[in-house]
Amino acid sequence: YTYTIEFPKGIRGDVNNDGEVNIADVNTIIAIILGRSVSDDVKRRADVTGDGEVNIADANATIAIILNK
């Protein structure tokens, strides 16, 4: 089986789609992990690692993006 993961258009790590990758995006990922209900688009953007799940690895990846700017 072969599958393709399509990342949403925009900036990788920009979970809230405001044009920047910052702590607000990390906070959104953490809120999702803790159970906040969000749209499917936000969930797709929050899956920064592209593994099909929103978890601490996505928060860590977003922090790495912020620190590498």
PDB file of N, CA and C in Angstrom:
ATOM      1  N   TYR A   1       0.825  -1.177   0.000  1.00  0.00           N
ATOM      2  CA  TYR A   1       0.000   0.000   0.000  1.00  0.00           C
ATOM      3  C   TYR A   1       0.869   1.241   0.000  1.00  0.00           C
ATOM      4  N   THR A   2       0.446   2.225  -0.742  1.00  0.00           N
ATOM      5  CA  THR A   2       1.125   3.510  -0.784  1.00  0.00           C
ATOM      6  C   THR A   2       0.128   4.596  -0.446  1.00  0.00           C
ATOM      7  N   TYR A   3       0.557   5.546   0.343  1.00  0.00           N
ATOM      8  CA  TYR A   3      -0.308   6.674   0.631  1.00  0.00           C
ATOM      9  C   TYR A   3       0.510   7.948   0.627  1.00  0.00           C
ATOM     10  N   THR A   4      -0.167   9.031   0.424  1.00  0.00           N
ATOM     11  CA  THR A   4       0.473  10.336   0.382  1.00  0.00           C
ATOM     12  C   THR A   4      -0.116  11.212   1.470  1.00  0.00           C
ATOM     13  N   ILE A   5       0.748  11.868   2.193  1.00  0.00           N
ATOM     14  CA  ILE A   5       0.294  12.831   3.189  1.00  0.00           C
ATOM     15  C   ILE A   5       0.366  14.206   2.549  1.00  0.00           C
ATOM     16  N   GLU A   6      -0.749  14.875   2.529  1.00  0.00           N
ATOM     17  CA  GLU A   6      -0.783  16.219   1.977  1.00  0.00           C
ATOM     18  C   GLU A   6      -0.836  17.219   3.113  1.00  0.00           C
ATOM     19  N   PHE A   7       0.173  18.085   3.153  1.00  0.00           N
ATOM     20  CA  PHE A   7       0.174  19.137   4.150  1.00  0.00           C
ATOM     21  C   PHE A   7      -0.698  20.270   3.651  1.00  0.00           C
ATOM     22  N   PRO A   8      -1.411  20.914   4.559  1.00  0.00           N
ATOM     23  CA  PRO A   8      -2.218  22.044   4.143  1.00  0.00           C
ATOM     24  C   PRO A   8      -1.345  23.152   3.581  1.00  0.00           C
ATOM     25  N   LYS A   9      -1.924  23.939   2.705  1.00  0.00           N
ATOM     26  CA  LYS A   9      -1.173  25.062   2.154  1.00  0.00           C
ATOM     27  C   LYS A   9      -0.877  26.053   3.261  1.00  0.00           C
ATOM     28  N   GLY A  10       0.212  26.754   3.133  1.00  0.00           N
ATOM     29  CA  GLY A  10       0.598  27.721   4.151  1.00  0.00           C
ATOM     30  C   GLY A  10       1.963  27.381   4.708  1.00  0.00           C
ATOM     31  N   ILE A  11       2.257  27.955   5.825  1.00  0.00           N
ATOM     32  CA  ILE A  11       3.553  27.791   6.465  1.00  0.00           C
ATOM     33  C   ILE A  11       3.507  26.588   7.400  1.00  0.00           C
ATOM     34  N   ARG A  12       4.454  25.673   7.239  1.00  0.00           N
ATOM     35  CA  ARG A  12       4.513  24.502   8.117  1.00  0.00           C
ATOM     36  C   ARG A  12       4.704  24.980   9.559  1.00  0.00           C
ATOM     37  N   GLY A  13       3.834  24.533  10.443  1.00  0.00           N
ATOM     38  CA  GLY A  13       3.895  24.915  11.845  1.00  0.00           C
ATOM     39  C   GLY A  13       2.968  26.062  12.206  1.00  0.00           C
ATOM     40  N   ASP A  14       2.400  26.718  11.200  1.00  0.00           N
ATOM     41  CA  ASP A  14       1.467  27.831  11.451  1.00  0.00           C
ATOM     42  C   ASP A  14       0.076  27.246  11.681  1.00  0.00           C
ATOM     43  N   VAL A  15      -0.136  26.723  12.867  1.00  0.00           N
ATOM     44  CA  VAL A  15      -1.361  25.999  13.192  1.00  0.00           C
ATOM     45  C   VAL A  15      -2.580  26.916  13.163  1.00  0.00           C
ATOM     46  N   ASN A  16      -2.435  28.123  13.679  1.00  0.00           N
ATOM     47  CA  ASN A  16      -3.585  29.041  13.734  1.00  0.00           C
ATOM     48  C   ASN A  16      -3.740  29.873  12.468  1.00  0.00           C
ATOM     49  N   ASN A  17      -2.863  29.644  11.487  1.00  0.00           N
ATOM     50  CA  ASN A  17      -2.978  30.248  10.153  1.00  0.00           C
ATOM     51  C   ASN A  17      -2.948  31.773  10.174  1.00  0.00           C
ATOM     52  N   ASP A  18      -2.066  32.332  11.035  1.00  0.00           N
ATOM     53  CA  ASP A  18      -1.943  33.785  11.096  1.00  0.00           C
ATOM     54  C   ASP A  18      -0.734  34.309  10.335  1.00  0.00           C
ATOM     55  N   GLY A  19      -0.041  33.424   9.619  1.00  0.00           N
ATOM     56  CA  GLY A  19       1.105  33.835   8.827  1.00  0.00           C
ATOM     57  C   GLY A  19       2.429  33.794   9.557  1.00  0.00           C
ATOM     58  N   GLU A  20       2.427  33.348  10.820  1.00  0.00           N
ATOM     59  CA  GLU A  20       3.645  33.260  11.623  1.00  0.00           C
ATOM     60  C   GLU A  20       3.672  31.931  12.371  1.00  0.00           C
ATOM     61  N   VAL A  21       4.875  31.459  12.650  1.00  0.00           N
ATOM     62  CA  VAL A  21       5.030  30.295  13.521  1.00  0.00           C
ATOM     63  C   VAL A  21       5.586  30.813  14.834  1.00  0.00           C
ATOM     64  N   ASN A  22       4.790  30.693  15.895  1.00  0.00           N
ATOM     65  CA  ASN A  22       5.202  31.226  17.190  1.00  0.00           C
ATOM     66  C   ASN A  22       4.560  30.420  18.312  1.00  0.00           C
ATOM     67  N   ILE A  23       4.710  30.905  19.544  1.00  0.00           N
ATOM     68  CA  ILE A  23       4.224  30.173  20.706  1.00  0.00           C
ATOM     69  C   ILE A  23       2.712  29.957  20.660  1.00  0.00           C
ATOM     70  N   ALA A  24       1.978  30.821  19.997  1.00  0.00           N
ATOM     71  CA  ALA A  24       0.531  30.636  19.882  1.00  0.00           C
ATOM     72  C   ALA A  24       0.211  29.325  19.164  1.00  0.00           C
ATOM     73  N   ASP A  25       1.038  28.947  18.204  1.00  0.00           N
ATOM     74  CA  ASP A  25       0.836  27.685  17.488  1.00  0.00           C
ATOM     75  C   ASP A  25       1.114  26.490  18.402  1.00  0.00           C
ATOM     76  N   VAL A  26       2.165  26.599  19.207  1.00  0.00           N
ATOM     77  CA  VAL A  26       2.470  25.543  20.183  1.00  0.00           C
ATOM     78  C   VAL A  26       1.316  25.414  21.173  1.00  0.00           C
ATOM     79  N   ASN A  27       0.809  26.543  21.646  1.00  0.00           N
ATOM     80  CA  ASN A  27      -0.308  26.520  22.593  1.00  0.00           C
ATOM     81  C   ASN A  27      -1.546  25.861  21.989  1.00  0.00           C
ATOM     82  N   THR A  28      -1.792  26.098  20.713  1.00  0.00           N
ATOM     83  CA  THR A  28      -2.938  25.472  20.046  1.00  0.00           C
ATOM     84  C   THR A  28      -2.762  23.959  19.978  1.00  0.00           C
ATOM     85  N   ILE A  29      -1.566  23.516  19.653  1.00  0.00           N
ATOM     86  CA  ILE A  29      -1.291  22.074  19.617  1.00  0.00           C
ATOM     87  C   ILE A  29      -1.522  21.458  20.988  1.00  0.00           C
ATOM     88  N   ILE A  30      -1.030  22.103  22.039  1.00  0.00           N
ATOM     89  CA  ILE A  30      -1.205  21.585  23.393  1.00  0.00           C
ATOM     90  C   ILE A  30      -2.695  21.538  23.751  1.00  0.00           C
ATOM     91  N   ALA A  31      -3.432  22.561  23.373  1.00  0.00           N
ATOM     92  CA  ALA A  31      -4.874  22.582  23.652  1.00  0.00           C
ATOM     93  C   ALA A  31      -5.578  21.417  22.957  1.00  0.00           C
ATOM     94  N   ILE A  32      -5.164  21.110  21.726  1.00  0.00           N
ATOM     95  CA  ILE A  32      -5.744  19.976  20.999  1.00  0.00           C
ATOM     96  C   ILE A  32      -5.422  18.672  21.724  1.00  0.00           C
ATOM     97  N   ILE A  33      -4.176  18.530  22.152  1.00  0.00           N
ATOM     98  CA  ILE A  33      -3.771  17.321  22.883  1.00  0.00           C
ATOM     99  C   ILE A  33      -4.619  17.162  24.144  1.00  0.00           C
ATOM    100  N   LEU A  34      -4.926  18.279  24.789  1.00  0.00           N
ATOM    101  CA  LEU A  34      -5.705  18.249  26.031  1.00  0.00           C
ATOM    102  C   LEU A  34      -7.212  18.143  25.799  1.00  0.00           C
ATOM    103  N   GLY A  35      -7.625  18.090  24.529  1.00  0.00           N
ATOM    104  CA  GLY A  35      -9.019  17.807  24.232  1.00  0.00           C
ATOM    105  C   GLY A  35      -9.845  18.920  23.630  1.00  0.00           C
ATOM    106  N   ARG A  36      -9.237  20.067  23.315  1.00  0.00           N
ATOM    107  CA  ARG A  36     -10.024  21.135  22.694  1.00  0.00           C
ATOM    108  C   ARG A  36     -10.541  20.683  21.345  1.00  0.00           C
ATOM    109  N   SER A  37     -11.793  20.992  21.086  1.00  0.00           N
ATOM    110  CA  SER A  37     -12.412  20.667  19.813  1.00  0.00           C
ATOM    111  C   SER A  37     -12.052  21.757  18.803  1.00  0.00           C
ATOM    112  N   VAL A  38     -11.505  21.335  17.669  1.00  0.00           N
ATOM    113  CA  VAL A  38     -11.120  22.271  16.610  1.00  0.00           C
ATOM    114  C   VAL A  38     -11.559  21.712  15.266  1.00  0.00           C
ATOM    115  N   SER A  39     -11.544  22.560  14.261  1.00  0.00           N
ATOM    116  CA  SER A  39     -11.938  22.129  12.914  1.00  0.00           C
ATOM    117  C   SER A  39     -10.916  21.143  12.339  1.00  0.00           C
ATOM    118  N   ASP A  40     -11.342  20.431  11.317  1.00  0.00           N
ATOM    119  CA  ASP A  40     -10.442  19.490  10.650  1.00  0.00           C
ATOM    120  C   ASP A  40      -9.238  20.203  10.052  1.00  0.00           C
ATOM    121  N   ASP A  41      -9.422  21.416   9.539  1.00  0.00           N
ATOM    122  CA  ASP A  41      -8.303  22.171   8.973  1.00  0.00           C
ATOM    123  C   ASP A  41      -7.250  22.465  10.032  1.00  0.00           C
ATOM    124  N   VAL A  42      -7.686  22.869  11.207  1.00  0.00           N
ATOM    125  CA  VAL A  42      -6.737  23.151  12.291  1.00  0.00           C
ATOM    126  C   VAL A  42      -6.021  21.863  12.693  1.00  0.00           C
ATOM    127  N   LYS A  43      -6.745  20.763  12.773  1.00  0.00           N
ATOM    128  CA  LYS A  43      -6.112  19.482  13.110  1.00  0.00           C
ATOM    129  C   LYS A  43      -5.053  19.112  12.086  1.00  0.00           C
ATOM    130  N   ARG A  44      -5.353  19.317  10.805  1.00  0.00           N
ATOM    131  CA  ARG A  44      -4.363  19.004   9.762  1.00  0.00           C
ATOM    132  C   ARG A  44      -3.123  19.880   9.913  1.00  0.00           C
ATOM    133  N   ARG A  45      -3.327  21.175  10.179  1.00  0.00           N
ATOM    134  CA  ARG A  45      -2.174  22.065  10.356  1.00  0.00           C
ATOM    135  C   ARG A  45      -1.398  21.725  11.622  1.00  0.00           C
ATOM    136  N   ALA A  46      -2.096  21.227  12.652  1.00  0.00           N
ATOM    137  CA  ALA A  46      -1.445  20.877  13.918  1.00  0.00           C
ATOM    138  C   ALA A  46      -0.596  19.618  13.808  1.00  0.00           C
ATOM    139  N   ASP A  47      -0.859  18.789  12.813  1.00  0.00           N
ATOM    140  CA  ASP A  47      -0.058  17.584  12.603  1.00  0.00           C
ATOM    141  C   ASP A  47       1.217  17.964  11.855  1.00  0.00           C
ATOM    142  N   VAL A  48       2.076  18.680  12.535  1.00  0.00           N
ATOM    143  CA  VAL A  48       3.288  19.250  11.927  1.00  0.00           C
ATOM    144  C   VAL A  48       4.227  18.140  11.448  1.00  0.00           C
ATOM    145  N   THR A  49       4.273  17.022  12.139  1.00  0.00           N
ATOM    146  CA  THR A  49       5.163  15.928  11.749  1.00  0.00           C
ATOM    147  C   THR A  49       4.604  15.096  10.603  1.00  0.00           C
ATOM    148  N   GLY A  50       3.301  15.237  10.331  1.00  0.00           N
ATOM    149  CA  GLY A  50       2.700  14.503   9.228  1.00  0.00           C
ATOM    150  C   GLY A  50       2.486  13.032   9.480  1.00  0.00           C
ATOM    151  N   ASP A  51       2.414  12.635  10.753  1.00  0.00           N
ATOM    152  CA  ASP A  51       2.240  11.216  11.063  1.00  0.00           C
ATOM    153  C   ASP A  51       0.784  10.808  11.275  1.00  0.00           C
ATOM    154  N   GLY A  52      -0.143  11.737  11.058  1.00  0.00           N
ATOM    155  CA  GLY A  52      -1.554  11.420  11.195  1.00  0.00           C
ATOM    156  C   GLY A  52      -2.115  11.610  12.586  1.00  0.00           C
ATOM    157  N   GLU A  53      -1.284  12.063  13.519  1.00  0.00           N
ATOM    158  CA  GLU A  53      -1.715  12.289  14.896  1.00  0.00           C
ATOM    159  C   GLU A  53      -1.249  13.664  15.353  1.00  0.00           C
ATOM    160  N   VAL A  54      -1.994  14.240  16.281  1.00  0.00           N
ATOM    161  CA  VAL A  54      -1.548  15.475  16.927  1.00  0.00           C
ATOM    162  C   VAL A  54      -1.106  15.087  18.324  1.00  0.00           C
ATOM    163  N   ASN A  55       0.191  15.228  18.577  1.00  0.00           N
ATOM    164  CA  ASN A  55       0.746  14.838  19.869  1.00  0.00           C
ATOM    165  C   ASN A  55       1.949  15.710  20.200  1.00  0.00           C
ATOM    166  N   ILE A  56       2.643  15.372  21.267  1.00  0.00           N
ATOM    167  CA  ILE A  56       3.752  16.201  21.747  1.00  0.00           C
ATOM    168  C   ILE A  56       4.860  16.336  20.698  1.00  0.00           C
ATOM    169  N   ALA A  57       4.990  15.373  19.829  1.00  0.00           N
ATOM    170  CA  ALA A  57       6.000  15.470  18.768  1.00  0.00           C
ATOM    171  C   ALA A  57       5.709  16.667  17.857  1.00  0.00           C
ATOM    172  N   ASP A  58       4.440  16.971  17.652  1.00  0.00           N
ATOM    173  CA  ASP A  58       4.082  18.133  16.833  1.00  0.00           C
ATOM    174  C   ASP A  58       4.435  19.430  17.551  1.00  0.00           C
ATOM    175  N   ALA A  59       4.209  19.479  18.860  1.00  0.00           N
ATOM    176  CA  ALA A  59       4.607  20.661  19.633  1.00  0.00           C
ATOM    177  C   ALA A  59       6.117  20.835  19.580  1.00  0.00           C
ATOM    178  N   ASN A  60       6.859  19.742  19.742  1.00  0.00           N
ATOM    179  CA  ASN A  60       8.320  19.801  19.678  1.00  0.00           C
ATOM    180  C   ASN A  60       8.804  20.242  18.302  1.00  0.00           C
ATOM    181  N   ALA A  61       8.171  19.744  17.246  1.00  0.00           N
ATOM    182  CA  ALA A  61       8.548  20.128  15.884  1.00  0.00           C
ATOM    183  C   ALA A  61       8.301  21.606  15.650  1.00  0.00           C
ATOM    184  N   THR A  62       7.201  22.112  16.194  1.00  0.00           N
ATOM    185  CA  THR A  62       6.884  23.539  16.038  1.00  0.00           C
ATOM    186  C   THR A  62       7.892  24.389  16.793  1.00  0.00           C
ATOM    187  N   ILE A  63       8.266  23.963  17.989  1.00  0.00           N
ATOM    188  CA  ILE A  63       9.300  24.688  18.750  1.00  0.00           C
ATOM    189  C   ILE A  63      10.614  24.692  17.979  1.00  0.00           C
ATOM    190  N   ALA A  64      10.943  23.579  17.356  1.00  0.00           N
ATOM    191  CA  ALA A  64      12.172  23.506  16.560  1.00  0.00           C
ATOM    192  C   ALA A  64      12.119  24.494  15.388  1.00  0.00           C
ATOM    193  N   ILE A  65      10.960  24.612  14.759  1.00  0.00           N
ATOM    194  CA  ILE A  65      10.809  25.572  13.663  1.00  0.00           C
ATOM    195  C   ILE A  65      11.031  26.991  14.190  1.00  0.00           C
ATOM    196  N   ILE A  66      10.453  27.297  15.337  1.00  0.00           N
ATOM    197  CA  ILE A  66      10.615  28.634  15.928  1.00  0.00           C
ATOM    198  C   ILE A  66      12.072  28.920  16.232  1.00  0.00           C
ATOM    199  N   LEU A  67      12.764  27.970  16.827  1.00  0.00           N
ATOM    200  CA  LEU A  67      14.159  28.181  17.250  1.00  0.00           C
ATOM    201  C   LEU A  67      15.136  28.224  16.086  1.00  0.00           C
ATOM    202  N   ASN A  68      14.768  27.639  14.958  1.00  0.00           N
ATOM    203  CA  ASN A  68      15.665  27.606  13.803  1.00  0.00           C
ATOM    204  C   ASN A  68      15.471  28.773  12.857  1.00  0.00           C
ATOM    205  N   LYS A  69      14.613  29.705  13.194  1.00  0.00           N
ATOM    206  CA  LYS A  69      14.386  30.854  12.314  1.00  0.00           C
ATOM    207  C   LYS A  69      15.580  31.760  12.294  1.00  0.00           C
TER     208      LYS A  69
END
